[in-house]
Amino acid sequence: MRLGLLVLGGVFVFCVAAVVILKLMPAPLKDTDYLVIGSVATLVSLLVMFLVLIATRPKTPDPFFKRRKKKR
């Protein structure tokens, strides 16, 4: 369930970012313009997904590392 919502959210953010950037770019678009639009939309969607994962993870002092259990 959580993974599906994350994927749908990422696709939604990608589409919104791509549409916004398409509206901001000047009218005669070249192939490289579409490449840049897709790249920026991908970057934005991955950044949003990263921030959502960090925000929804249980609060720990350092969210990027887990402590190992000590072997006895």
C-alpha atoms as a PDB file:
ATOM      1  CA  MET A   1       0.000   0.000   0.000  1.00  0.00           C
ATOM      2  CA  ARG A   2       2.708   2.483   1.028  1.00  0.00           C
ATOM      3  CA  LEU A   3       4.891   1.591  -1.943  1.00  0.00           C
ATOM      4  CA  GLY A   4       1.967   2.041  -4.340  1.00  0.00           C
ATOM      5  CA  LEU A   5       1.148   5.465  -2.912  1.00  0.00           C
ATOM      6  CA  LEU A   6       4.797   6.465  -3.167  1.00  0.00           C
ATOM      7  CA  VAL A   7       4.958   5.399  -6.824  1.00  0.00           C
ATOM      8  CA  LEU A   8       1.694   7.168  -7.695  1.00  0.00           C
ATOM      9  CA  GLY A   9       2.863  10.281  -5.872  1.00  0.00           C
ATOM     10  CA  GLY A  10       6.151  10.235  -7.761  1.00  0.00           C
ATOM     11  CA  VAL A  11       4.388   9.892 -11.115  1.00  0.00           C
ATOM     12  CA  PHE A  12       1.988  12.702 -10.189  1.00  0.00           C
ATOM     13  CA  VAL A  13       4.821  15.032  -9.144  1.00  0.00           C
ATOM     14  CA  PHE A  14       6.717  14.182 -12.344  1.00  0.00           C
ATOM     15  CA  CYS A  15       3.697  15.009 -14.515  1.00  0.00           C
ATOM     16  CA  VAL A  16       2.989  18.268 -12.700  1.00  0.00           C
ATOM     17  CA  ALA A  17       6.643  19.339 -12.895  1.00  0.00           C
ATOM     18  CA  ALA A  18       6.819  18.488 -16.604  1.00  0.00           C
ATOM     19  CA  VAL A  19       3.641  20.443 -17.401  1.00  0.00           C
ATOM     20  CA  VAL A  20       4.807  23.474 -15.417  1.00  0.00           C
ATOM     21  CA  ILE A  21       8.194  23.489 -17.127  1.00  0.00           C
ATOM     22  CA  LEU A  22       6.534  23.046 -20.549  1.00  0.00           C
ATOM     23  CA  LYS A  23       4.444  26.159 -19.864  1.00  0.00           C
ATOM     24  CA  LEU A  24       7.524  28.139 -18.801  1.00  0.00           C
ATOM     25  CA  MET A  25       9.684  27.260 -21.823  1.00  0.00           C
ATOM     26  CA  PRO A  26       9.511  29.483 -24.922  1.00  0.00           C
ATOM     27  CA  ALA A  27       7.295  28.247 -27.777  1.00  0.00           C
ATOM     28  CA  PRO A  28       9.580  26.676 -30.431  1.00  0.00           C
ATOM     29  CA  LEU A  29      10.805  23.612 -28.512  1.00  0.00           C
ATOM     30  CA  LYS A  30      13.654  21.462 -29.803  1.00  0.00           C
ATOM     31  CA  ASP A  31      14.470  17.864 -28.929  1.00  0.00           C
ATOM     32  CA  THR A  32      17.046  19.019 -26.382  1.00  0.00           C
ATOM     33  CA  ASP A  33      14.406  21.159 -24.658  1.00  0.00           C
ATOM     34  CA  TYR A  34      12.278  18.058 -24.078  1.00  0.00           C
ATOM     35  CA  LEU A  35      15.361  16.269 -22.737  1.00  0.00           C
ATOM     36  CA  VAL A  36      15.973  19.084 -20.253  1.00  0.00           C
ATOM     37  CA  ILE A  37      12.297  19.167 -19.241  1.00  0.00           C
ATOM     38  CA  GLY A  38      12.286  15.427 -18.572  1.00  0.00           C
ATOM     39  CA  SER A  39      15.544  15.592 -16.652  1.00  0.00           C
ATOM     40  CA  VAL A  40      14.418  18.448 -14.415  1.00  0.00           C
ATOM     41  CA  ALA A  41      11.026  16.803 -13.806  1.00  0.00           C
ATOM     42  CA  THR A  42      12.805  13.564 -12.847  1.00  0.00           C
ATOM     43  CA  LEU A  43      15.105  15.438 -10.477  1.00  0.00           C
ATOM     44  CA  VAL A  44      12.177  17.222  -8.833  1.00  0.00           C
ATOM     45  CA  SER A  45      10.146  14.029  -8.410  1.00  0.00           C
ATOM     46  CA  LEU A  46      13.089  12.118  -6.922  1.00  0.00           C
ATOM     47  CA  LEU A  47      13.800  14.983  -4.522  1.00  0.00           C
ATOM     48  CA  VAL A  48      10.167  15.062  -3.388  1.00  0.00           C
ATOM     49  CA  MET A  49      10.120  11.282  -2.932  1.00  0.00           C
ATOM     50  CA  PHE A  50      13.341  11.452  -0.895  1.00  0.00           C
ATOM     51  CA  LEU A  51      11.953  14.178   1.348  1.00  0.00           C
ATOM     52  CA  VAL A  52       8.696  12.248   1.856  1.00  0.00           C
ATOM     53  CA  LEU A  53      10.607   9.104   2.818  1.00  0.00           C
ATOM     54  CA  ILE A  54      12.782  11.025   5.278  1.00  0.00           C
ATOM     55  CA  ALA A  55       9.771  12.823   6.769  1.00  0.00           C
ATOM     56  CA  THR A  56       7.694   9.658   7.249  1.00  0.00           C
ATOM     57  CA  ARG A  57      10.487   7.520   8.667  1.00  0.00           C
ATOM     58  CA  PRO A  58      10.480   7.076  12.442  1.00  0.00           C
ATOM     59  CA  LYS A  59      12.367   9.907  14.080  1.00  0.00           C
ATOM     60  CA  THR A  60      15.926   8.991  14.929  1.00  0.00           C
ATOM     61  CA  PRO A  61      18.891  11.232  15.669  1.00  0.00           C
ATOM     62  CA  ASP A  62      20.566  10.227  12.399  1.00  0.00           C
ATOM     63  CA  PRO A  63      18.074   9.032   9.753  1.00  0.00           C
ATOM     64  CA  PHE A  64      20.738   7.758   7.324  1.00  0.00           C
ATOM     65  CA  PHE A  65      22.388   5.171   9.578  1.00  0.00           C
ATOM     66  CA  LYS A  66      21.051   2.300  11.658  1.00  0.00           C
ATOM     67  CA  ARG A  67      22.783   1.063  14.759  1.00  0.00           C
ATOM     68  CA  ARG A  68      23.786  -2.564  14.686  1.00  0.00           C
ATOM     69  CA  LYS A  69      22.817  -4.843  17.498  1.00  0.00           C
ATOM     70  CA  LYS A  70      25.816  -5.830  19.560  1.00  0.00           C
ATOM     71  CA  LYS A  71      26.869  -9.437  19.222  1.00  0.00           C
ATOM     72  CA  ARG A  72      27.289 -11.222  22.529  1.00  0.00           C
END
